[in-house]
Amino acid sequence: MIDTEELLQITGGSPPQSVFKLGRIDPAYSGSGRPKVVFDGETTASGKQYPYLSIYTPAANDRILLAAVAGSYVILGKIM
């Protein structure tokens, strides 16, 4: 059985990263193209635009759920 110090060495001392993130569609989003996101805990929109699933149509200020995919995020849809 490993102890706490050994576990921290194995994991690099970093807490596990969540596969999901919450945020809002940028209030300045005009409804065309990929939207920028204001992630929870942040006050400004991301510099990057994020792809979304075809079943979701983004709108400014939508509360959204994102999933980590290949070093980035994909918008899964609106939280109702």
Protein backbone atom coordinates (compact mmCIF):
# COMPACT_ATOMS: atom_id res chain seq x y z
CA MET A 1 0.00 0.00 0.00
CA ILE A 2 1.33 3.46 -0.87
CA ASP A 3 1.44 6.36 1.54
CA THR A 4 0.47 9.99 0.95
CA GLU A 5 3.97 11.16 0.00
CA GLU A 6 4.38 8.38 -2.56
CA LEU A 7 0.96 9.17 -4.07
CA LEU A 8 1.90 12.85 -4.41
CA GLN A 9 5.15 11.90 -6.12
CA ILE A 10 3.33 9.65 -8.58
CA THR A 11 0.68 12.24 -9.42
CA GLY A 12 3.04 15.21 -9.36
CA GLY A 13 1.18 16.64 -6.37
CA SER A 14 -1.61 17.94 -8.61
CA PRO A 15 -5.26 17.39 -7.83
CA PRO A 16 -7.12 15.44 -10.52
CA GLN A 17 -8.56 17.57 -13.32
CA SER A 18 -12.27 17.40 -14.00
CA VAL A 19 -13.45 16.24 -17.40
CA PHE A 20 -16.21 18.88 -17.31
CA LYS A 21 -16.31 22.66 -16.94
CA LEU A 22 -19.14 25.14 -16.53
CA GLY A 23 -19.43 28.56 -18.08
CA ARG A 24 -21.54 31.01 -20.07
CA ILE A 25 -21.58 31.92 -23.73
CA ASP A 26 -19.90 35.31 -24.20
CA PRO A 27 -22.52 38.09 -23.79
CA ALA A 28 -21.16 39.70 -26.99
CA TYR A 29 -21.80 36.53 -29.04
CA SER A 30 -23.78 37.44 -32.16
CA GLY A 31 -25.08 33.98 -33.03
CA SER A 32 -22.71 33.10 -35.86
CA GLY A 33 -19.61 30.94 -35.74
CA ARG A 34 -18.03 29.35 -32.71
CA PRO A 35 -18.64 31.26 -29.47
CA LYS A 36 -16.16 32.40 -26.86
CA VAL A 37 -16.84 31.27 -23.29
CA VAL A 38 -16.70 32.96 -19.89
CA PHE A 39 -15.66 30.06 -17.66
CA ASP A 40 -16.96 29.91 -14.08
CA GLY A 41 -14.64 31.85 -11.79
CA GLU A 42 -13.46 34.14 -14.60
CA THR A 43 -14.73 37.57 -15.59
CA THR A 44 -13.67 37.85 -19.21
CA ALA A 45 -14.43 35.75 -22.27
CA SER A 46 -11.83 33.29 -23.49
CA GLY A 47 -9.58 34.30 -26.35
CA LYS A 48 -10.43 31.01 -28.02
CA GLN A 49 -13.68 30.05 -29.73
CA TYR A 50 -15.12 26.64 -28.86
CA PRO A 51 -16.92 24.07 -31.01
CA TYR A 52 -20.33 22.78 -29.97
CA LEU A 53 -22.54 19.78 -30.69
CA SER A 54 -24.93 20.11 -33.63
CA ILE A 55 -27.99 19.58 -31.41
CA TYR A 56 -27.25 22.82 -29.53
CA THR A 57 -27.60 26.36 -30.88
CA PRO A 58 -25.55 28.77 -28.74
CA ALA A 59 -27.01 32.09 -27.62
CA ALA A 60 -25.39 34.92 -25.66
CA ASN A 61 -25.36 34.32 -21.89
CA ASP A 62 -26.46 30.65 -22.09
CA ARG A 63 -25.26 28.65 -19.07
CA ILE A 64 -23.32 25.74 -20.58
CA LEU A 65 -21.53 22.48 -19.84
CA LEU A 66 -18.23 21.76 -21.60
CA ALA A 67 -16.23 18.53 -21.83
CA ALA A 68 -12.46 18.24 -22.08
CA VAL A 69 -11.47 16.73 -25.44
CA ALA A 70 -7.94 16.49 -26.89
CA GLY A 71 -6.47 19.32 -24.81
CA SER A 72 -9.40 21.68 -25.36
CA TYR A 73 -13.14 21.79 -24.69
CA VAL A 74 -16.34 21.09 -26.60
CA ILE A 75 -19.63 22.71 -25.60
CA LEU A 76 -22.11 19.93 -24.86
CA GLY A 77 -25.16 22.14 -24.45
CA LYS A 78 -27.22 24.53 -22.40
CA ILE A 79 -28.00 23.89 -18.75
CA MET A 80 -31.71 24.44 -18.13
